[in-house]
Protein backbone atom coordinates (compact mmCIF):
# COMPACT_ATOMS: atom_id res chain seq x y z
CA MET A 1 2.78 -17.29 -4.48
CA ALA A 2 1.70 -13.87 -3.14
CA LYS A 3 -1.95 -14.73 -3.69
CA TRP A 4 -1.56 -18.10 -2.02
CA LEU A 5 0.16 -16.65 1.07
CA SER A 6 -2.20 -13.69 1.43
CA SER A 7 -5.24 -15.93 1.05
CA GLY A 8 -3.87 -18.22 3.74
CA LEU A 9 -3.48 -15.29 6.13
CA ALA A 10 -7.01 -14.09 5.28
CA ALA A 11 -8.45 -17.55 5.97
CA LYS A 12 -6.83 -17.58 9.42
CA ASP A 13 -7.53 -14.00 10.51
CA GLU A 14 -10.40 -11.67 9.60
CA ASP A 15 -8.15 -8.57 9.74
CA TYR A 16 -5.92 -9.95 6.96
CA LYS A 17 -9.11 -10.59 4.97
CA GLN A 18 -10.05 -6.95 5.54
CA ALA A 19 -6.51 -5.87 4.56
CA LEU A 20 -7.04 -7.52 1.17
CA LYS A 21 -10.18 -5.43 0.70
CA ASP A 22 -8.53 -2.25 1.98
CA THR A 23 -5.59 -2.47 -0.44
CA LYS A 24 -7.47 -3.13 -3.68
CA ASN A 25 -6.92 0.53 -4.73
CA THR A 26 -3.58 1.22 -3.10
CA LEU A 27 -0.24 2.16 -4.63
CA VAL A 28 2.01 -0.89 -4.61
CA PRO A 29 5.67 0.07 -4.12
CA VAL A 30 7.12 -2.07 -6.92
CA ALA A 31 8.37 -1.12 -10.38
CA GLU A 32 5.69 -3.20 -12.12
CA PHE A 33 2.95 -1.08 -10.53
CA TYR A 34 4.30 2.09 -12.13
CA LYS A 35 5.25 0.47 -15.43
CA GLY A 36 1.97 -1.40 -15.86
CA GLY A 37 3.28 -4.92 -15.29
CA LEU A 38 1.20 -5.64 -12.19
CA LYS A 39 -2.45 -6.49 -12.76
CA LYS A 40 -4.96 -4.59 -10.64
CA ALA A 41 -6.31 -7.88 -9.28
CA ALA A 42 -2.86 -8.56 -7.78
CA TYR A 43 -2.62 -5.27 -5.82
CA PRO A 44 -4.12 -6.61 -2.58
CA TYR A 45 -2.11 -9.82 -2.55
CA VAL A 46 1.19 -8.12 -3.31
CA SER A 47 0.38 -5.38 -0.77
CA VAL A 48 -0.18 -7.90 2.03
CA VAL A 49 3.00 -9.87 1.37
CA LEU A 50 5.08 -6.71 1.01
CA GLY A 51 3.41 -5.00 3.96
CA THR A 52 4.08 -7.93 6.28
CA GLY A 53 7.59 -8.60 5.01
CA LEU A 54 6.69 -12.07 3.72
CA MET A 55 8.14 -11.15 0.36
CA ALA A 56 10.37 -8.21 -0.51
CA GLY A 57 10.89 -8.26 -4.24
CA TYR A 58 14.24 -7.80 -5.90
CA PRO A 59 17.03 -5.23 -5.35
CA ASP A 60 16.16 -3.43 -8.61
CA GLY A 61 12.71 -2.51 -7.24
CA THR A 62 10.80 -5.17 -9.17
CA PHE A 63 8.50 -7.75 -7.65
CA GLY A 64 8.67 -10.27 -10.49
CA PRO A 65 5.04 -11.38 -10.71
CA GLY A 66 5.85 -13.49 -13.77
CA LYS A 67 8.96 -15.12 -12.29
CA SER A 68 9.07 -18.58 -10.79
CA THR A 69 9.90 -18.87 -7.10
CA THR A 70 13.08 -20.81 -6.40
CA ARG A 71 13.27 -23.48 -3.70
CA ALA A 72 15.51 -21.22 -1.62
CA GLU A 73 13.06 -18.30 -1.90
CA ALA A 74 10.15 -20.58 -1.02
CA ALA A 75 11.96 -21.88 2.07
CA VAL A 76 12.61 -18.33 3.33
CA ILE A 77 9.05 -17.22 2.59
CA LEU A 78 7.51 -20.21 4.38
CA SER A 79 9.73 -19.61 7.38
CA ARG A 80 8.53 -16.00 7.51
CA TYR A 81 4.93 -17.12 7.01
CA SER A 82 4.98 -19.19 10.19
CA GLN A 83 5.87 -16.01 12.12
CA VAL A 84 3.52 -13.63 10.28
CA GLN A 85 0.46 -15.84 10.72
CA GLU A 86 0.87 -15.52 14.49
CA SER A 87 0.86 -11.70 14.29
CA LYS A 88 -2.05 -9.34 13.81
CA ALA A 89 -2.30 -7.44 10.54
CA ASP A 90 -2.39 -4.05 12.27
CA THR A 91 1.06 -4.62 13.78
CA TYR A 92 2.72 -4.06 10.38
CA LYS A 93 3.46 -0.39 9.70
CA ASP A 94 3.95 -0.84 5.95
CA LEU A 95 0.71 -2.79 5.60
CA ASN A 96 -1.16 -0.15 7.62
CA GLU A 97 0.19 2.55 5.32
CA MET A 98 -0.85 0.68 2.16
CA ARG A 99 -4.28 0.12 3.69
CA GLU A 100 -4.59 3.84 4.39
CA VAL A 101 -3.64 4.71 0.81
CA GLY A 102 -6.15 2.19 -0.49
CA LEU A 103 -8.95 3.57 1.65
CA THR A 104 -8.26 7.32 1.60
CA GLY A 105 -5.97 7.91 -1.39
CA THR A 106 -3.15 9.16 0.82
CA ASN A 107 -0.83 8.04 3.60
CA LEU A 108 -1.28 11.37 5.36
CA THR A 109 -1.96 10.10 8.88
CA SER A 110 0.73 7.41 8.64
CA ALA A 111 3.44 9.81 7.51
CA THR A 112 2.56 12.99 9.41
CA PRO A 113 1.22 14.02 12.81
CA PHE A 114 -2.00 15.27 11.18
CA VAL A 115 -5.41 13.64 11.48
CA TYR A 116 -8.56 13.89 9.40
CA SER A 117 -11.33 16.13 10.59
CA LYS A 118 -14.47 17.62 9.12
CA TYR A 119 -13.71 20.90 10.89
CA GLU A 120 -11.34 23.62 9.78
CA ASN A 121 -8.56 23.74 12.34
CA ALA A 122 -4.84 24.41 12.12
CA ASN A 123 -4.08 21.01 13.67
CA TYR A 124 -6.21 19.04 11.24
CA LEU A 125 -6.08 18.44 7.51
CA ASN A 126 -9.23 17.89 5.55
CA THR A 127 -8.35 19.56 2.27
CA PHE A 128 -7.35 16.28 0.63
CA ASP A 129 -11.02 15.36 0.28
CA LEU A 130 -11.62 18.71 -1.39
CA ILE A 131 -9.07 18.20 -4.18
CA THR A 132 -9.23 14.49 -4.97
CA GLU A 133 -11.16 12.99 -7.85
CA LYS A 134 -12.13 16.45 -9.13
CA PRO A 135 -10.48 18.56 -11.83
CA PHE A 136 -7.90 20.83 -10.23
CA SER A 137 -6.77 23.93 -12.13
CA LEU A 138 -3.07 24.64 -12.16
CA ARG A 139 -1.78 28.15 -11.61
CA ASN A 140 -1.45 30.51 -14.56
CA ASN A 141 -3.95 28.41 -16.52
CA LEU A 142 -1.26 25.84 -17.33
CA GLY A 143 -3.86 23.08 -17.37
CA GLU A 144 -5.93 20.81 -15.20
CA MET A 145 -5.18 17.61 -13.35
CA ILE A 146 -7.12 15.11 -11.30
CA VAL A 147 -5.45 13.82 -8.14
CA HIS A 148 -6.34 10.19 -7.46
CA ARG A 149 -3.76 9.43 -4.78
CA MET A 150 -1.18 11.49 -2.93
CA ILE A 151 1.77 9.95 -1.12
CA ILE A 152 3.53 11.92 1.60
CA ALA A 153 7.23 11.15 1.99
CA ASP A 154 9.40 12.00 4.94
CA ALA A 155 12.31 13.38 2.95
CA PRO A 156 15.59 14.05 4.75
CA THR A 157 16.31 17.73 5.32
CA SER A 158 20.09 17.46 5.04
């Protein structure tokens, strides 16, 4: 269902088509992504339907890619689809964030006031490009890691 809906949006609007390309390497905020139950080929389709609010998954954090869609769920989704297809892809904050993660490996500019720059400046962050996809030594020689993606969260301070 996610593939069908996303493909329909992409056929109607070039930006949704681009969103499918932009999210092929994103992090998909569903339990199956982290537990290995979501195929890589599904990332863009699930990202678009989640990012636009067409589909939300289940309360336990799963998306249920192997589950059948009920008639009631289909009715709600199709009702939402009629509204989403009239909107531009870039109007959806969640979709924009997943696109950014897919393209850059981080949601840095979506989640913070920082911007990317090739110049060293206190107001700009460019160090992410320096540490991603390369072995990174941990302090005290505890080991090495390779950072593929980094998600910034706005955690409450209280």
